[in-house]
Protein backbone atom coordinates (compact mmCIF):
# COMPACT_ATOMS: atom_id res chain seq x y z
CA MET A 1 32.18 -9.48 50.51
CA LYS A 2 32.83 -11.67 47.29
CA ASN A 3 35.40 -10.71 44.79
CA ILE A 4 33.75 -10.87 41.21
CA ASN A 5 36.33 -11.55 38.97
CA ASP A 6 36.48 -8.79 35.97
CA ASN A 7 35.65 -11.37 33.40
CA GLN A 8 32.04 -11.47 35.23
CA LYS A 9 31.31 -7.95 35.21
CA ILE A 10 31.66 -8.00 31.08
CA VAL A 11 27.91 -8.04 29.78
CA SER A 12 27.58 -9.60 26.15
CA LEU A 13 25.44 -7.25 24.13
CA PRO A 14 23.47 -8.44 21.29
CA SER A 15 25.43 -6.97 17.56
CA ALA A 16 23.16 -5.17 15.27
CA GLU A 17 21.98 -7.83 12.92
CA GLU A 18 21.61 -10.15 15.62
CA ARG A 19 19.12 -7.38 17.34
CA GLU A 20 17.42 -7.14 13.48
CA LYS A 21 17.11 -10.77 13.29
CA ILE A 22 15.02 -10.54 17.07
CA ARG A 23 12.78 -7.28 15.62
CA GLN A 24 12.12 -9.71 12.65
CA GLU A 25 11.19 -12.60 14.33
CA LYS A 26 8.77 -11.05 16.77
CA GLU A 27 7.18 -9.22 14.17
CA LEU A 28 6.74 -12.51 11.85
CA ALA A 29 4.77 -14.05 15.24
CA LEU A 30 2.71 -11.43 15.95
CA ALA A 31 1.55 -11.19 12.08
CA LYS A 32 1.01 -14.94 12.70
CA MET A 33 -1.17 -14.49 15.30
CA ASN A 34 -3.32 -11.39 13.81
CA PHE A 35 -4.10 -14.00 10.67
CA LYS A 36 -5.35 -16.41 13.32
CA ASP A 37 -8.52 -16.24 15.40
CA GLY A 38 -7.48 -14.07 18.34
CA GLY A 39 -10.80 -14.28 19.80
CA ASN A 40 -10.64 -11.61 22.44
CA LYS A 41 -8.68 -9.33 20.08
CA PRO A 42 -9.92 -5.56 19.99
CA ALA A 43 -11.49 -4.21 16.99
CA PRO A 44 -8.93 -3.85 13.93
CA ILE A 45 -9.90 -0.34 13.21
CA PHE A 46 -8.70 0.36 16.64
CA ASN A 47 -5.54 -1.59 16.56
CA LEU A 48 -3.46 -0.07 13.82
CA PRO A 49 -0.11 -0.15 13.73
CA PRO A 50 1.06 3.79 13.45
CA LEU A 51 1.85 3.84 9.14
CA THR A 52 -1.70 2.15 8.44
CA LYS A 53 -3.45 5.38 10.73
CA TYR A 54 -1.54 7.47 9.68
CA LEU A 55 -2.09 6.81 5.65
CA LEU A 56 -5.97 6.04 7.09
CA GLY A 57 -5.56 10.17 8.09
CA LEU A 58 -4.06 11.94 5.47
CA ILE A 59 -6.34 10.08 2.74
CA ILE A 60 -9.40 11.70 5.03
CA GLY A 61 -8.51 14.37 5.54
CA ILE A 62 -7.73 15.14 2.23
CA TYR A 63 -10.59 13.69 0.56
CA PHE A 64 -12.64 16.06 3.81
CA LEU A 65 -10.70 18.90 2.44
CA THR A 66 -11.31 19.01 -1.25
CA ASP A 67 -15.17 17.81 -0.54
CA VAL A 68 -15.93 19.72 2.25
CA VAL A 69 -13.64 23.00 2.50
CA LEU A 70 -12.60 23.35 -0.88
CA SER A 71 -14.74 24.96 -3.63
CA ALA A 72 -15.28 23.24 -7.05
CA ASP A 73 -13.16 25.33 -9.17
CA SER A 74 -10.21 24.80 -6.12
CA VAL A 75 -11.38 20.80 -6.53
CA GLU A 76 -10.68 21.08 -9.85
CA TRP A 77 -7.28 23.00 -9.96
CA VAL A 78 -6.13 20.39 -7.32
CA PHE A 79 -6.99 17.16 -9.49
CA SER A 80 -6.30 18.94 -12.43
CA HIS A 81 -2.42 19.64 -11.15
CA PHE A 82 -1.81 16.96 -8.19
CA GLY A 83 -3.36 13.98 -10.43
CA PHE A 84 -2.13 12.10 -12.78
CA ILE A 85 -2.47 12.93 -16.10
CA PRO A 86 -0.52 10.52 -18.68
CA GLU A 87 -0.78 13.89 -21.57
CA GLN A 88 0.51 16.13 -19.12
CA ILE A 89 3.82 13.49 -18.46
CA ARG A 90 3.91 12.82 -21.97
CA ASN A 91 3.81 16.60 -23.21
CA ASN A 92 5.77 18.51 -20.05
CA PRO A 93 7.74 15.73 -18.93
CA VAL A 94 10.06 18.44 -16.31
CA ASP A 95 7.10 20.11 -15.19
CA ILE A 96 7.05 20.31 -11.58
CA PHE A 97 3.33 18.84 -11.16
CA SER A 98 4.64 16.36 -13.74
CA LEU A 99 7.25 15.18 -10.47
CA VAL A 100 4.93 15.27 -8.34
CA SER A 101 1.75 13.86 -9.71
CA PRO A 102 3.30 10.12 -9.46
CA PHE A 103 3.17 10.30 -5.85
CA THR A 104 0.27 13.21 -4.82
CA HIS A 105 -2.47 10.90 -6.92
CA MET A 106 -2.53 8.29 -4.48
CA PHE A 107 -4.12 10.74 -2.15
CA LEU A 108 -6.82 12.14 -3.66
CA HIS A 109 -10.04 10.85 -4.08
CA GLY A 110 -13.45 11.56 -5.88
CA SER A 111 -16.48 10.11 -4.16
CA TRP A 112 -17.56 8.97 -0.67
CA MET A 113 -17.30 5.62 -2.24
CA HIS A 114 -13.85 5.78 -3.37
CA VAL A 115 -12.16 6.58 -0.64
CA ILE A 116 -14.12 4.38 2.20
CA MET A 117 -13.22 1.39 0.19
CA ASN A 118 -10.05 2.20 -0.36
CA ALA A 119 -9.32 2.88 3.30
CA PHE A 120 -11.76 0.00 4.26
CA MET A 121 -9.08 -2.37 1.63
CA LEU A 122 -5.72 -0.17 3.53
CA ALA A 123 -6.69 -1.43 6.98
CA ALA A 124 -7.64 -4.64 6.10
CA PHE A 125 -4.13 -5.09 4.33
CA GLY A 126 -1.77 -2.47 5.74
CA SER A 127 -1.76 -3.36 8.96
CA GLY A 128 -1.40 -6.90 8.79
CA VAL A 129 1.76 -6.16 6.43
CA GLU A 130 3.27 -3.35 8.82
CA ARG A 131 3.40 -5.52 11.82
CA TRP A 132 5.31 -7.81 9.65
CA LEU A 133 7.73 -5.93 7.35
CA GLY A 134 7.55 -2.33 9.59
CA PHE A 135 6.84 1.08 9.08
CA LYS A 136 9.44 2.07 7.07
CA ARG A 137 9.35 -1.48 4.79
CA THR A 138 5.86 -0.99 4.31
CA LEU A 139 6.02 2.66 3.04
CA ALA A 140 8.66 1.63 0.96
CA VAL A 141 5.78 -1.12 -0.77
CA PHE A 142 2.90 1.19 -0.63
CA ILE A 143 4.72 3.79 -2.29
CA ILE A 144 6.99 1.33 -5.14
CA SER A 145 3.40 -0.19 -5.65
CA GLY A 146 1.80 2.99 -6.34
CA LEU A 147 4.39 4.54 -8.63
CA CYS A 148 4.37 0.98 -10.77
CA GLY A 149 0.47 1.55 -11.04
CA ALA A 150 0.72 5.18 -12.19
CA ALA A 151 3.72 4.15 -14.70
CA LEU A 152 1.47 0.93 -16.16
CA HIS A 153 -1.56 3.18 -16.71
CA TYR A 154 0.78 5.67 -18.31
CA VAL A 155 1.88 3.25 -20.90
CA LEU A 156 -1.55 1.78 -21.55
CA ASN A 157 -3.19 5.71 -21.54
CA THR A 158 -0.61 7.59 -22.78
CA GLY A 159 -2.55 10.44 -24.59
CA SER A 160 -5.51 10.48 -21.64
CA PRO A 161 -6.35 13.94 -20.60
CA TYR A 162 -8.00 13.09 -18.11
CA PRO A 163 -6.60 13.02 -14.18
CA MET A 164 -5.89 9.18 -12.46
CA ILE A 165 -6.42 10.02 -9.17
CA GLY A 166 -6.53 7.25 -5.74
CA ALA A 167 -4.46 4.91 -3.37
CA SER A 168 -5.73 2.09 -5.31
CA GLY A 169 -2.18 1.21 -6.86
CA GLY A 170 -0.20 0.91 -3.28
CA ILE A 171 -3.32 -0.76 -1.69
CA SER A 172 -2.80 -3.65 -4.62
CA GLY A 173 0.73 -3.88 -4.16
CA LEU A 174 -0.15 -4.06 -0.07
CA PHE A 175 -2.72 -7.12 -1.15
CA ALA A 176 0.46 -8.45 -2.87
CA ALA A 177 2.70 -8.15 -0.14
CA ALA A 178 0.03 -10.44 2.25
CA ILE A 179 -0.03 -13.04 -0.26
CA VAL A 180 3.56 -13.19 0.41
CA MET A 181 3.24 -12.77 4.42
CA MET A 182 0.41 -15.79 4.13
CA ASN A 183 3.01 -18.02 2.49
CA LYS A 184 5.50 -17.50 4.42
CA ASN A 185 3.33 -18.22 7.50
CA GLY A 186 2.67 -21.15 6.76
CA GLN A 187 -0.84 -20.58 5.59
CA GLU A 188 0.00 -21.44 1.62
CA MET A 189 -2.55 -19.96 -0.39
CA GLY A 190 -3.07 -22.20 -3.25
CA GLY A 191 -1.47 -25.29 -2.19
CA LYS A 192 0.59 -27.23 -4.96
CA VAL A 193 0.41 -24.50 -7.45
CA GLY A 194 1.33 -21.70 -5.35
CA ILE A 195 -0.32 -18.15 -5.56
CA LEU A 196 -0.51 -18.04 -8.94
CA PRO A 197 -4.77 -18.14 -9.20
CA PHE A 198 -4.91 -15.56 -6.83
CA ALA A 199 -2.80 -13.25 -9.23
CA LEU A 200 -4.26 -13.78 -12.43
CA LEU A 201 -7.69 -13.87 -10.17
CA TRP A 202 -6.87 -10.37 -8.38
CA ILE A 203 -5.77 -9.25 -12.48
CA GLY A 204 -9.04 -10.27 -13.76
CA LEU A 205 -10.98 -8.68 -11.17
CA SER A 206 -9.26 -5.36 -11.73
CA ILE A 207 -9.62 -5.59 -15.47
CA GLY A 208 -13.15 -6.65 -15.24
CA PHE A 209 -14.70 -3.68 -12.74
CA GLY A 210 -12.16 -1.78 -14.71
CA MET A 211 -14.31 -2.07 -18.11
CA LEU A 212 -17.75 -2.12 -15.83
CA GLY A 213 -16.96 1.34 -13.76
CA GLY A 214 -17.86 1.96 -10.17
CA PRO A 215 -20.97 1.24 -8.53
CA ASP A 216 -21.02 4.98 -8.33
CA GLY A 217 -20.29 5.69 -11.86
CA SER A 218 -16.93 6.71 -11.91
CA LEU A 219 -14.48 5.49 -13.79
CA ILE A 220 -11.57 2.86 -12.94
CA ALA A 221 -8.08 3.19 -13.53
CA TRP A 222 -7.60 -0.92 -13.63
CA ALA A 223 -4.12 -0.91 -15.12
CA ALA A 224 -3.24 1.05 -12.01
CA HIS A 225 -4.61 -2.13 -9.53
CA VAL A 226 -2.52 -4.54 -12.13
CA GLY A 227 0.39 -2.41 -12.26
CA GLY A 228 0.49 -1.37 -8.41
CA PHE A 229 -0.06 -5.30 -7.51
CA LEU A 230 2.44 -6.35 -9.64
CA GLY A 231 4.37 -3.82 -7.76
CA GLY A 232 4.03 -4.79 -4.85
CA PHE A 233 5.64 -8.26 -5.44
CA ALA A 234 8.34 -6.30 -7.51
CA ALA A 235 8.85 -4.22 -4.15
CA LEU A 236 9.41 -7.45 -1.79
CA LYS A 237 11.82 -8.90 -4.48
CA LEU A 238 13.92 -5.79 -4.10
CA MET A 239 13.63 -6.50 0.01
CA ARG A 240 14.85 -10.35 -0.35
CA VAL A 241 11.81 -10.46 1.24
């Protein structure tokens, strides 16, 4: 029988900082794989990370509730209280609905085309960003971007009595995060000029579509898209990503 020195029995465990670094390196490596041609990977819709699935389920579930289950009068009440209405915020800033609507408007949608387009973009941008940043930080980017979108919409439409609804602000922020992620992964978009052309293109398209309106004839709150997009960059900056 061997005599084992006491020092040999001690197993050195990585510190919390080292474990976090290892986790981030694994997520970054996985994100790189997801942006390459994987060939044998399952279809993205069946391979979404948790937060992206939860947000999709929440958005689609609420739309089903408002479109199928509730009466027209009930839906109007929901939109007028949980949609983001600049005039209401200006006149009653401490009202409970003024306080919650900057958050709740992100999960309401007015038509099947609206919800399908946002669901598709959420799956496309959210899955890669979540694998890169993780559950909590991706949620923070989505919420901060949505709030920034609502803020810019308010600044440019302070007297508007119409409710703004939709997850477009948060999703625009996830798109901004996806651009940063691809640049950090070595897929430098724009070459020497960086991401500025893509940022200007997104802002230009958002304003253009806002002026033209949606395919179903609905109005598009372009300021929320632009504010959310800029909010995505701001959120990453705050996280020092």
